[in-house]
Amino acid sequence: MFNTSLAVAARDAVNQGKDTDTNPKNDIDDKDFATAASWNDIQHAANLGAKGVKLTGDISASGDLNINSTFTIESAKDATSNYSLNLGQNSIINNGNLTLDNITVNGSITGKFGTKITYTTTAEIKKLENECYVLVKDGYTDSTGHSEFTKENDNHVYEVIMQHGTVTYNPHDNLAKPGEPINPNDPNSPKVTDNDVDYSKSVKETIHYVGAGNQTPSDNVQNVTWTRSITVDRVTGNIISSTKWQPSQIDYKQVNTPVINGYHADVKSIPATKVTEEDITKTVTYTPNGQSFQLIQMTNQFLQLNIRFSQRILMTQLK
């Protein structure tokens, strides 16, 4: 037995229940290719001696298929992808000259020793790659001794391993838009989500000035951007991992307080401040020159009056 099982675990279940007889043109007088939409169509064409069949979709087997002459199974020319033959526990028994062209066979092909094998994994690998799988190992193509049925490859299983492809989104190298397909080759593939593009956020430090009337300076604002990378499974659309957030700079720069004639500020400058993932706001207050001096002078006078008043009481008591 020659087994051509191709990474079935890496794919979703293909169409089932297509093995009912759809009664195609059963009379193949010109011994040409027949159209096959079911397993019965293929068996019927082989029994009538057709050159082969053109598949119109994925087909699941409902019995063994005996090939005793030259026979080709291929995907229809207008097919948008390569179709699959899913044999399950059934087999294709090749006692003639079987050619498989642009189709995928999941199951076992048997034949007499010396019978030529024309199967390749190219079509299935290409189909899976278009579905965003990545080839890890092609145990069939990389091996030797599979050009014909021999005692050496009898009952041999060739393993082709595919894994899910990934894509990494970030604001520097690979932007994405929510709602667009992750796989550009397949508009029905999982869509980019808002979470997939949560790879950039802006924060700021605002220095707010008050107290100088119409001379009050405008706010001083410094902006910083935090970024990260997000890796997404291209087959399922699930987020696999994300890196830590990184700021575009470590500290906000020191800001010297603007000098305004007739006013003085409560701080000469705002020192350099470490950037955080939250906004920062600081306020600088201006006060008119002379206002605090008058207050101190009045306070001193008040203290002096208190002292004099207290001395006067003491002198009165002494008398």
Protein backbone atom coordinates (compact mmCIF):
# COMPACT_ATOMS: atom_id res chain seq x y z
CA MET A 1 0.00 0.00 0.00
CA PHE A 2 1.19 3.48 -0.82
CA ASN A 3 -0.16 6.10 1.55
CA THR A 4 -0.37 9.77 0.58
CA SER A 5 -1.89 11.23 3.72
CA LEU A 6 -1.08 14.95 3.68
CA ALA A 7 -1.25 16.82 6.96
CA VAL A 8 -4.98 16.25 7.36
CA ALA A 9 -4.80 17.52 10.95
CA ALA A 10 -3.72 20.90 9.72
CA ARG A 11 -6.89 21.52 7.72
CA ASP A 12 -10.56 21.88 8.49
CA ALA A 13 -12.82 19.03 7.54
CA VAL A 14 -13.55 19.20 3.83
CA ASN A 15 -16.93 18.80 2.21
CA GLN A 16 -18.67 15.63 3.18
CA GLY A 17 -21.61 13.86 1.62
CA LYS A 18 -20.66 14.54 -2.00
CA ASP A 19 -20.53 10.89 -2.94
CA THR A 20 -24.13 10.67 -4.10
CA ASP A 21 -24.61 9.93 -7.77
CA THR A 22 -25.40 13.15 -9.60
CA ASN A 23 -26.03 11.28 -12.89
CA PRO A 24 -23.63 13.13 -15.16
CA LYS A 25 -23.30 12.29 -18.83
CA ASN A 26 -22.84 8.59 -18.34
CA ASP A 27 -22.38 7.79 -22.02
CA ILE A 28 -18.75 8.61 -22.77
CA ASP A 29 -18.66 7.51 -26.39
CA ASP A 30 -15.61 9.57 -27.28
CA LYS A 31 -13.60 8.04 -24.43
CA ASP A 32 -12.82 11.63 -23.32
CA PHE A 33 -12.79 13.25 -19.91
CA ALA A 34 -15.98 13.22 -17.86
CA THR A 35 -17.11 15.75 -15.27
CA ALA A 36 -17.17 14.30 -11.76
CA ALA A 37 -19.08 15.77 -8.83
CA SER A 38 -19.28 12.54 -6.80
CA TRP A 39 -17.37 9.35 -6.12
CA ASN A 40 -19.87 7.39 -8.22
CA ASP A 41 -19.08 9.69 -11.15
CA ILE A 42 -15.40 8.75 -10.93
CA GLN A 43 -16.11 5.02 -10.66
CA HIS A 44 -18.54 5.19 -13.57
CA ALA A 45 -16.04 6.99 -15.81
CA ALA A 46 -13.27 4.51 -14.95
CA ASN A 47 -15.53 1.53 -15.69
CA LEU A 48 -16.53 2.98 -19.09
CA GLY A 49 -12.91 3.46 -20.11
CA ALA A 50 -12.81 7.28 -20.13
CA LYS A 51 -9.44 8.99 -20.27
CA GLY A 52 -10.17 10.54 -16.91
CA VAL A 53 -12.36 12.89 -14.91
CA LYS A 54 -12.34 16.56 -14.04
CA LEU A 55 -13.44 17.23 -10.47
CA THR A 56 -15.91 20.04 -9.80
CA GLY A 57 -15.38 20.00 -6.04
CA ASP A 58 -13.98 18.05 -3.09
CA ILE A 59 -15.14 14.43 -3.09
CA SER A 60 -15.26 11.78 -0.36
CA ALA A 61 -14.95 8.12 -1.31
CA SER A 62 -17.69 5.58 -0.68
CA GLY A 63 -15.73 2.51 -1.79
CA ASP A 64 -12.53 1.40 -3.49
CA LEU A 65 -11.64 2.61 -6.98
CA ASN A 66 -10.00 0.15 -9.40
CA ILE A 67 -7.86 1.61 -12.19
CA ASN A 68 -6.98 -0.93 -14.91
CA SER A 69 -6.03 1.40 -17.76
CA THR A 70 -4.64 4.87 -18.36
CA PHE A 71 -6.74 7.21 -16.24
CA THR A 72 -6.31 10.79 -15.03
CA ILE A 73 -8.03 12.54 -12.13
CA GLU A 74 -7.65 16.32 -12.14
CA SER A 75 -9.35 19.53 -11.01
CA ALA A 76 -11.61 21.28 -13.51
CA LYS A 77 -9.89 24.05 -15.46
CA ASP A 78 -12.18 26.72 -14.02
CA ALA A 79 -11.54 25.58 -10.44
CA THR A 80 -10.56 28.38 -8.08
CA SER A 81 -8.42 25.93 -6.08
CA ASN A 82 -7.19 22.36 -6.21
CA TYR A 83 -9.85 19.86 -5.14
CA SER A 84 -9.41 16.95 -2.76
CA LEU A 85 -10.15 13.23 -2.86
CA ASN A 86 -10.78 12.08 0.69
CA LEU A 87 -10.52 8.31 0.71
CA GLY A 88 -11.04 7.61 4.39
CA GLN A 89 -10.71 3.83 4.85
CA ASN A 90 -11.08 3.25 1.11
CA SER A 91 -8.30 2.95 -1.46
CA ILE A 92 -7.46 3.68 -5.07
CA ILE A 93 -6.10 0.43 -6.51
CA ASN A 94 -3.84 1.32 -9.41
CA ASN A 95 -3.29 -1.65 -11.71
CA GLY A 96 -3.02 0.58 -14.77
CA ASN A 97 -1.51 3.99 -15.31
CA LEU A 98 -3.02 6.53 -12.91
CA THR A 99 -2.20 10.23 -13.12
CA LEU A 100 -3.24 12.72 -10.43
CA ASP A 101 -3.08 16.31 -11.64
CA ASN A 102 -3.70 19.37 -9.44
CA ILE A 103 -5.64 17.48 -6.81
CA THR A 104 -5.02 16.37 -3.26
CA VAL A 105 -5.43 12.76 -2.18
CA ASN A 106 -6.00 12.13 1.52
CA GLY A 107 -5.79 8.38 1.95
CA SER A 108 -4.15 5.31 0.44
CA ILE A 109 -3.23 4.40 -3.13
CA THR A 110 -2.24 0.80 -3.79
CA GLY A 111 -0.90 -0.87 -6.89
CA LYS A 112 1.15 -3.68 -8.33
CA PHE A 113 4.88 -3.55 -7.87
CA GLY A 114 6.42 -1.64 -10.75
CA THR A 115 3.38 0.54 -11.38
CA LYS A 116 4.39 4.16 -11.94
CA ILE A 117 3.47 6.77 -9.34
CA THR A 118 2.74 10.23 -10.74
CA TYR A 119 1.48 11.86 -7.58
CA THR A 120 3.16 15.03 -6.22
CA THR A 121 2.52 17.09 -3.10
CA THR A 122 2.87 20.41 -4.95
CA ALA A 123 -0.82 21.13 -5.41
CA GLU A 124 -1.81 20.47 -1.80
CA ILE A 125 1.12 22.42 -0.36
CA LYS A 126 0.34 25.39 -2.58
CA LYS A 127 -3.32 25.26 -1.57
CA LEU A 128 -2.44 25.22 2.12
CA GLU A 129 0.09 28.02 1.70
CA ASN A 130 -2.65 30.13 0.13
CA GLU A 131 -4.63 29.44 3.30
CA CYS A 132 -1.70 30.86 5.34
CA TYR A 133 -0.11 27.57 6.38
CA VAL A 134 3.68 27.28 6.31
CA LEU A 135 5.53 24.19 5.13
CA VAL A 136 7.66 22.62 7.84
CA LYS A 137 8.55 19.32 6.17
CA ASP A 138 7.69 17.59 2.90
CA GLY A 139 8.51 14.01 3.75
CA TYR A 140 7.28 12.81 0.36
CA THR A 141 9.17 15.08 -2.02
CA ASP A 142 12.31 15.00 0.12
CA SER A 143 12.39 11.21 0.10
CA THR A 144 13.51 8.86 -2.66
CA GLY A 145 12.05 5.68 -4.11
CA HIS A 146 8.47 6.81 -4.68
CA SER A 147 8.42 6.97 -8.48
CA GLU A 148 6.82 3.51 -8.60
CA PHE A 149 5.35 0.91 -6.29
CA THR A 150 8.10 -1.25 -4.78
CA LYS A 151 8.57 -3.60 -1.88
CA GLU A 152 10.56 -0.85 -0.17
CA ASN A 153 7.72 1.67 -0.15
CA ASP A 154 4.95 -0.85 0.39
CA ASN A 155 2.73 0.38 3.27
CA HIS A 156 5.00 3.38 3.71
CA VAL A 157 3.43 6.57 5.08
CA TYR A 158 4.89 9.86 3.85
CA GLU A 159 4.36 12.75 6.23
CA VAL A 160 3.92 16.34 5.11
CA ILE A 161 3.87 18.78 8.04
CA MET A 162 2.31 22.23 7.82
CA GLN A 163 1.93 24.77 10.59
CA HIS A 164 -0.10 27.94 11.03
CA GLY A 165 1.52 31.05 9.58
CA THR A 166 1.74 34.24 11.62
CA VAL A 167 1.84 37.95 10.96
CA THR A 168 3.23 40.65 13.25
CA TYR A 169 1.60 44.08 13.32
CA ASN A 170 3.33 47.24 14.55
CA PRO A 171 3.27 50.95 13.66
CA HIS A 172 6.78 50.88 12.18
CA ASP A 173 6.83 48.03 9.66
CA ASN A 174 3.35 46.58 9.24
CA LEU A 175 0.24 48.68 9.72
CA ALA A 176 -3.20 47.10 9.59
CA LYS A 177 -6.78 48.29 9.42
CA PRO A 178 -9.61 46.73 11.46
CA GLY A 179 -12.04 44.90 9.22
CA GLU A 180 -9.61 43.97 6.46
CA PRO A 181 -8.82 40.24 5.96
CA ILE A 182 -5.68 38.91 7.62
CA ASN A 183 -5.07 36.81 4.53
CA PRO A 184 -5.15 39.11 1.47
CA ASN A 185 -5.58 36.04 -0.76
CA ASP A 186 -8.83 35.09 0.95
CA PRO A 187 -11.51 37.74 1.60
CA ASN A 188 -13.33 35.21 3.82
CA SER A 189 -10.35 34.75 6.16
CA PRO A 190 -10.44 36.11 9.74
CA LYS A 191 -10.58 39.90 9.91
CA VAL A 192 -8.18 42.27 11.62
CA THR A 193 -9.68 43.41 14.94
CA ASP A 194 -9.21 46.52 17.08
CA ASN A 195 -7.16 44.42 19.49
CA ASP A 196 -4.80 43.44 16.66
CA VAL A 197 -3.91 47.09 16.05
CA ASP A 198 -3.60 48.11 19.71
CA TYR A 199 0.08 48.71 19.09
CA SER A 200 0.35 52.49 19.56
CA LYS A 201 -0.84 55.01 22.12
CA SER A 202 0.07 58.64 22.82
CA VAL A 203 0.61 60.31 26.19
CA LYS A 204 1.64 63.88 27.07
CA GLU A 205 2.97 66.17 29.74
CA THR A 206 1.09 69.48 29.97
CA ILE A 207 2.46 72.50 31.83
CA HIS A 208 -0.44 74.86 32.50
CA TYR A 209 0.22 78.51 33.33
CA VAL A 210 -2.15 80.75 35.32
CA GLY A 211 -2.22 84.19 36.99
CA ALA A 212 -0.72 86.59 34.45
CA GLY A 213 -3.92 87.77 32.83
CA ASN A 214 -3.71 88.18 29.08
CA GLN A 215 0.05 87.69 29.34
CA THR A 216 -0.36 84.15 30.65
CA PRO A 217 1.65 81.77 28.41
CA SER A 218 -0.09 79.00 26.47
CA ASP A 219 0.23 75.47 27.77
CA ASN A 220 3.52 73.76 27.10
CA VAL A 221 2.78 70.25 25.77
CA GLN A 222 5.26 67.44 25.14
CA ASN A 223 3.99 64.30 23.36
CA VAL A 224 5.39 60.77 23.61
CA THR A 225 4.27 57.63 21.77
CA TRP A 226 4.27 54.16 23.31
CA THR A 227 4.47 51.25 20.84
CA ARG A 228 4.56 47.46 20.81
CA SER A 229 4.29 44.56 18.32
CA ILE A 230 1.37 42.11 18.18
CA THR A 231 1.70 38.66 16.57
CA VAL A 232 -1.46 37.11 15.12
CA ASP A 233 -2.24 33.59 13.86
CA ARG A 234 -3.10 34.06 10.18
CA VAL A 235 -5.29 30.94 10.09
CA THR A 236 -7.44 31.47 13.19
CA GLY A 237 -7.05 35.22 13.67
CA ASN A 238 -6.13 34.74 17.35
CA ILE A 239 -3.47 36.89 19.01
CA ILE A 240 -0.47 34.73 19.88
CA SER A 241 1.74 37.22 21.71
CA SER A 242 2.61 40.87 22.16
CA THR A 243 5.77 42.66 23.21
CA LYS A 244 6.09 45.09 26.13
CA TRP A 245 5.17 48.72 25.57
CA GLN A 246 8.16 50.94 24.77
CA PRO A 247 8.16 54.79 24.86
CA SER A 248 9.68 56.91 22.10
CA GLN A 249 11.69 58.72 24.81
CA ILE A 250 12.46 58.04 28.46
CA ASP A 251 11.94 61.51 29.99
CA TYR A 252 10.04 64.68 29.25
CA LYS A 253 12.52 67.55 28.82
CA GLN A 254 13.01 70.26 31.44
CA VAL A 255 10.92 73.37 30.73
CA ASN A 256 12.08 76.77 32.01
CA THR A 257 9.27 79.05 33.16
CA PRO A 258 8.78 82.06 30.82
CA VAL A 259 9.66 85.43 32.42
CA ILE A 260 6.84 88.01 32.37
CA ASN A 261 7.49 91.63 33.33
CA GLY A 262 5.58 92.62 36.44
CA TYR A 263 5.04 89.03 37.55
CA HIS A 264 6.99 86.33 39.29
CA ALA A 265 6.27 82.56 39.15
CA ASP A 266 6.14 80.05 41.98
CA VAL A 267 8.78 77.86 40.19
CA LYS A 268 11.64 78.82 37.90
CA SER A 269 11.32 75.61 35.87
CA ILE A 270 9.66 72.21 35.62
CA PRO A 271 12.42 69.60 35.84
CA ALA A 272 12.80 66.65 33.48
CA THR A 273 10.14 64.07 34.35
CA LYS A 274 10.08 60.34 33.67
CA VAL A 275 7.55 59.34 31.00
CA THR A 276 4.69 57.15 32.20
CA GLU A 277 1.79 55.48 30.37
CA GLU A 278 -0.56 58.13 31.77
CA ASP A 279 -0.87 61.85 30.99
CA ILE A 280 0.86 64.29 33.36
CA THR A 281 -0.33 67.83 34.12
CA LYS A 282 1.60 70.45 36.16
CA THR A 283 0.56 74.03 36.96
CA VAL A 284 2.78 77.12 37.22
CA THR A 285 1.23 80.14 39.00
CA TYR A 286 2.21 83.77 38.37
CA THR A 287 1.76 86.52 41.00
CA PRO A 288 2.03 90.31 40.37
CA ASN A 289 5.22 91.85 41.74
CA GLY A 290 4.69 93.92 45.02
CA GLN A 291 1.56 92.12 46.14
CA SER A 292 3.34 89.76 48.48
CA PHE A 293 5.59 92.63 49.77
CA GLN A 294 2.57 94.71 50.80
CA LEU A 295 1.12 91.74 52.56
CA ILE A 296 4.33 91.25 54.52
CA GLN A 297 4.42 94.97 55.37
CA MET A 298 0.87 94.89 56.63
CA THR A 299 1.64 91.81 58.63
CA ASN A 300 4.62 93.51 60.22
CA GLN A 301 2.53 96.53 61.12
CA PHE A 302 -0.03 94.26 62.67
CA LEU A 303 2.66 92.55 64.72
CA GLN A 304 4.06 95.89 65.82
CA LEU A 305 0.62 97.07 66.91
CA ASN A 306 0.16 93.92 68.89
CA ILE A 307 3.44 94.39 70.62
CA ARG A 308 2.75 98.02 71.45
CA PHE A 309 -0.69 97.20 72.62
CA SER A 310 0.65 94.46 74.88
CA GLN A 311 3.29 96.80 76.34
CA ARG A 312 0.63 99.37 77.08
CA ILE A 313 -1.43 96.84 78.99
CA LEU A 314 1.63 95.81 80.97
CA MET A 315 2.47 99.35 81.92
CA THR A 316 -1.06 99.93 83.08
CA GLN A 317 -0.91 96.88 85.27
CA LEU A 318 2.36 98.07 86.81
CA LYS A 319 0.80 101.34 87.90
